[in-house]
C-alpha atoms as a PDB file:
ATOM      1  CA  UNK A   1      43.302  98.428  64.528  1.00  0.00           C
ATOM      2  CA  UNK A   2      44.710 100.217  67.545  1.00  0.00           C
ATOM      3  CA  UNK A   3      41.599 102.316  68.049  1.00  0.00           C
ATOM      4  CA  UNK A   4      39.433  99.219  68.529  1.00  0.00           C
ATOM      5  CA  UNK A   5      41.732  97.688  71.126  1.00  0.00           C
ATOM      6  CA  UNK A   6      41.612 100.468  73.664  1.00  0.00           C
ATOM      7  CA  UNK A   7      38.749 101.870  75.682  1.00  0.00           C
ATOM      8  CA  UNK A   8      36.967 104.558  73.781  1.00  0.00           C
ATOM      9  CA  UNK A   9      34.100 106.903  74.376  1.00  0.00           C
ATOM     10  CA  UNK A  10      30.655 105.812  73.338  1.00  0.00           C
ATOM     11  CA  UNK A  11      27.430 107.688  73.861  1.00  0.00           C
ATOM     12  CA  UNK A  12      23.897 106.481  74.240  1.00  0.00           C
ATOM     13  CA  UNK A  13      20.695 108.188  75.210  1.00  0.00           C
ATOM     14  CA  UNK A  14      18.613 106.577  77.929  1.00  0.00           C
ATOM     15  CA  UNK A  15      14.822 106.610  77.729  1.00  0.00           C
ATOM     16  CA  UNK A  16      13.192 109.955  76.998  1.00  0.00           C
ATOM     17  CA  UNK A  17      16.062 111.866  78.541  1.00  0.00           C
ATOM     18  CA  UNK A  18      17.864 114.288  76.269  1.00  0.00           C
ATOM     19  CA  UNK A  19      21.142 113.911  78.149  1.00  0.00           C
ATOM     20  CA  UNK A  20      23.713 111.512  76.827  1.00  0.00           C
ATOM     21  CA  UNK A  21      25.796 109.443  79.194  1.00  0.00           C
ATOM     22  CA  UNK A  22      29.356 108.462  78.364  1.00  0.00           C
ATOM     23  CA  UNK A  23      30.397 104.837  78.543  1.00  0.00           C
ATOM     24  CA  UNK A  24      33.590 102.947  77.787  1.00  0.00           C
ATOM     25  CA  UNK A  25      33.602 100.828  74.636  1.00  0.00           C
ATOM     26  CA  UNK A  26      36.331  98.361  73.744  1.00  0.00           C
ATOM     27  CA  UNK A  27      36.837  95.085  71.959  1.00  0.00           C
ATOM     28  CA  UNK A  28      37.543  92.726  74.864  1.00  0.00           C
ATOM     29  CA  UNK A  29      38.661  89.844  72.675  1.00  0.00           C
ATOM     30  CA  UNK A  30      41.168  91.992  70.833  1.00  0.00           C
ATOM     31  CA  UNK A  31      42.441  93.499  74.092  1.00  0.00           C
ATOM     32  CA  UNK A  32      42.858  90.008  75.599  1.00  0.00           C
ATOM     33  CA  UNK A  33      44.673  88.777  72.493  1.00  0.00           C
ATOM     34  CA  UNK A  34      47.051  91.755  72.584  1.00  0.00           C
ATOM     35  CA  UNK A  35      47.779  91.228  76.266  1.00  0.00           C
ATOM     36  CA  UNK A  36      48.474  87.527  75.664  1.00  0.00           C
ATOM     37  CA  UNK A  37      50.767  88.385  72.758  1.00  0.00           C
ATOM     38  CA  UNK A  38      52.578  90.979  74.854  1.00  0.00           C
ATOM     39  CA  UNK A  39      53.078  88.465  77.664  1.00  0.00           C
ATOM     40  CA  UNK A  40      54.549  85.965  75.205  1.00  0.00           C
ATOM     41  CA  UNK A  41      56.841  88.601  73.715  1.00  0.00           C
ATOM     42  CA  UNK A  42      58.466  89.178  77.106  1.00  0.00           C
ATOM     43  CA  UNK A  43      60.303  85.846  76.873  1.00  0.00           C
ATOM     44  CA  UNK A  44      61.489  86.014  73.262  1.00  0.00           C
ATOM     45  CA  UNK A  45      62.083  89.712  72.613  1.00  0.00           C
ATOM     46  CA  UNK A  46      64.796  91.554  74.546  1.00  0.00           C
ATOM     47  CA  UNK A  47      63.404  94.886  73.318  1.00  0.00           C
ATOM     48  CA  UNK A  48      59.932  94.049  74.591  1.00  0.00           C
ATOM     49  CA  UNK A  49      61.428  92.981  77.932  1.00  0.00           C
ATOM     50  CA  UNK A  50      63.337  96.281  78.235  1.00  0.00           C
ATOM     51  CA  UNK A  51      60.209  98.273  77.373  1.00  0.00           C
ATOM     52  CA  UNK A  52      58.115  96.362  79.930  1.00  0.00           C
ATOM     53  CA  UNK A  53      60.792  96.679  82.617  1.00  0.00           C
ATOM     54  CA  UNK A  54      61.028 100.406  81.902  1.00  0.00           C
ATOM     55  CA  UNK A  55      57.277 100.732  82.393  1.00  0.00           C
ATOM     56  CA  UNK A  56      57.446  98.765  85.635  1.00  0.00           C
ATOM     57  CA  UNK A  57      60.341 100.933  86.835  1.00  0.00           C
ATOM     58  CA  UNK A  58      58.006 103.925  86.472  1.00  0.00           C
ATOM     59  CA  UNK A  59      55.695 102.157  88.919  1.00  0.00           C
ATOM     60  CA  UNK A  60      53.118 101.240  86.281  1.00  0.00           C
ATOM     61  CA  UNK A  61      51.157  98.141  87.274  1.00  0.00           C
ATOM     62  CA  UNK A  62      51.721  94.785  85.588  1.00  0.00           C
ATOM     63  CA  UNK A  63      48.526  94.766  83.514  1.00  0.00           C
ATOM     64  CA  UNK A  64      48.820  98.398  82.360  1.00  0.00           C
ATOM     65  CA  UNK A  65      52.443  97.726  81.382  1.00  0.00           C
ATOM     66  CA  UNK A  66      51.331  94.711  79.341  1.00  0.00           C
ATOM     67  CA  UNK A  67      48.594  96.796  77.691  1.00  0.00           C
ATOM     68  CA  UNK A  68      51.146  99.454  76.735  1.00  0.00           C
ATOM     69  CA  UNK A  69      53.499  96.789  75.399  1.00  0.00           C
ATOM     70  CA  UNK A  70      50.642  95.325  73.363  1.00  0.00           C
ATOM     71  CA  UNK A  71      49.896  98.763  71.936  1.00  0.00           C
ATOM     72  CA  UNK A  72      53.550  99.204  71.076  1.00  0.00           C
ATOM     73  CA  UNK A  73      53.606  95.831  69.310  1.00  0.00           C
ATOM     74  CA  UNK A  74      50.543  96.814  67.268  1.00  0.00           C
ATOM     75  CA  UNK A  75      52.299 100.059  66.344  1.00  0.00           C
ATOM     76  CA  UNK A  76      55.361  98.127  65.207  1.00  0.00           C
ATOM     77  CA  UNK A  77      53.171  95.758  63.181  1.00  0.00           C
ATOM     78  CA  UNK A  78      51.390  98.712  61.597  1.00  0.00           C
ATOM     79  CA  UNK A  79      54.713 100.270  60.632  1.00  0.00           C
ATOM     80  CA  UNK A  80      55.922  97.008  59.084  1.00  0.00           C
ATOM     81  CA  UNK A  81      52.719  96.619  57.076  1.00  0.00           C
ATOM     82  CA  UNK A  82      52.715 100.266  55.998  1.00  0.00           C
ATOM     83  CA  UNK A  83      56.306 100.221  54.755  1.00  0.00           C
ATOM     84  CA  UNK A  84      56.152  96.585  53.566  1.00  0.00           C
ATOM     85  CA  UNK A  85      59.238  95.633  55.537  1.00  0.00           C
ATOM     86  CA  UNK A  86      60.009  92.624  57.689  1.00  0.00           C
ATOM     87  CA  UNK A  87      60.170  92.922  61.467  1.00  0.00           C
ATOM     88  CA  UNK A  88      63.621  93.857  62.711  1.00  0.00           C
ATOM     89  CA  UNK A  89      64.159  93.626  66.465  1.00  0.00           C
ATOM     90  CA  UNK A  90      66.987  96.168  66.478  1.00  0.00           C
ATOM     91  CA  UNK A  91      65.070  98.748  64.445  1.00  0.00           C
ATOM     92  CA  UNK A  92      61.800  98.263  66.324  1.00  0.00           C
ATOM     93  CA  UNK A  93      63.206  98.948  69.776  1.00  0.00           C
ATOM     94  CA  UNK A  94      66.273 101.090  68.976  1.00  0.00           C
ATOM     95  CA  UNK A  95      64.861 104.396  70.265  1.00  0.00           C
ATOM     96  CA  UNK A  96      63.805 102.774  73.555  1.00  0.00           C
ATOM     97  CA  UNK A  97      67.275 101.274  74.026  1.00  0.00           C
ATOM     98  CA  UNK A  98      68.829 104.733  73.713  1.00  0.00           C
ATOM     99  CA  UNK A  99      66.638 106.270  76.435  1.00  0.00           C
ATOM    100  CA  UNK A 100      67.325 103.500  78.957  1.00  0.00           C
ATOM    101  CA  UNK A 101      70.383 103.984  81.202  1.00  0.00           C
ATOM    102  CA  UNK A 102      72.997 101.258  80.727  1.00  0.00           C
END
């Protein structure tokens, strides 16, 4: 799921040319849905807020920080589905809480 949400490399030949040009391929609807979900998570999840604020503290722009948060949320969802466990806020963001200065 994560691979379809981010820009990837696609190749296509043009005309009779033998050279192949690279182009970015991504699922815009999935990317928009992840960004919307990440924005909503900022209000209800303290771990997501800390992660986003940490990204912003590293001078990452607002939209890239939301994209990274969305990717992180997909990773957490994948882990929950893989291990068949319920989402636990403390477990999901525990390693990010340890790296942040208090």
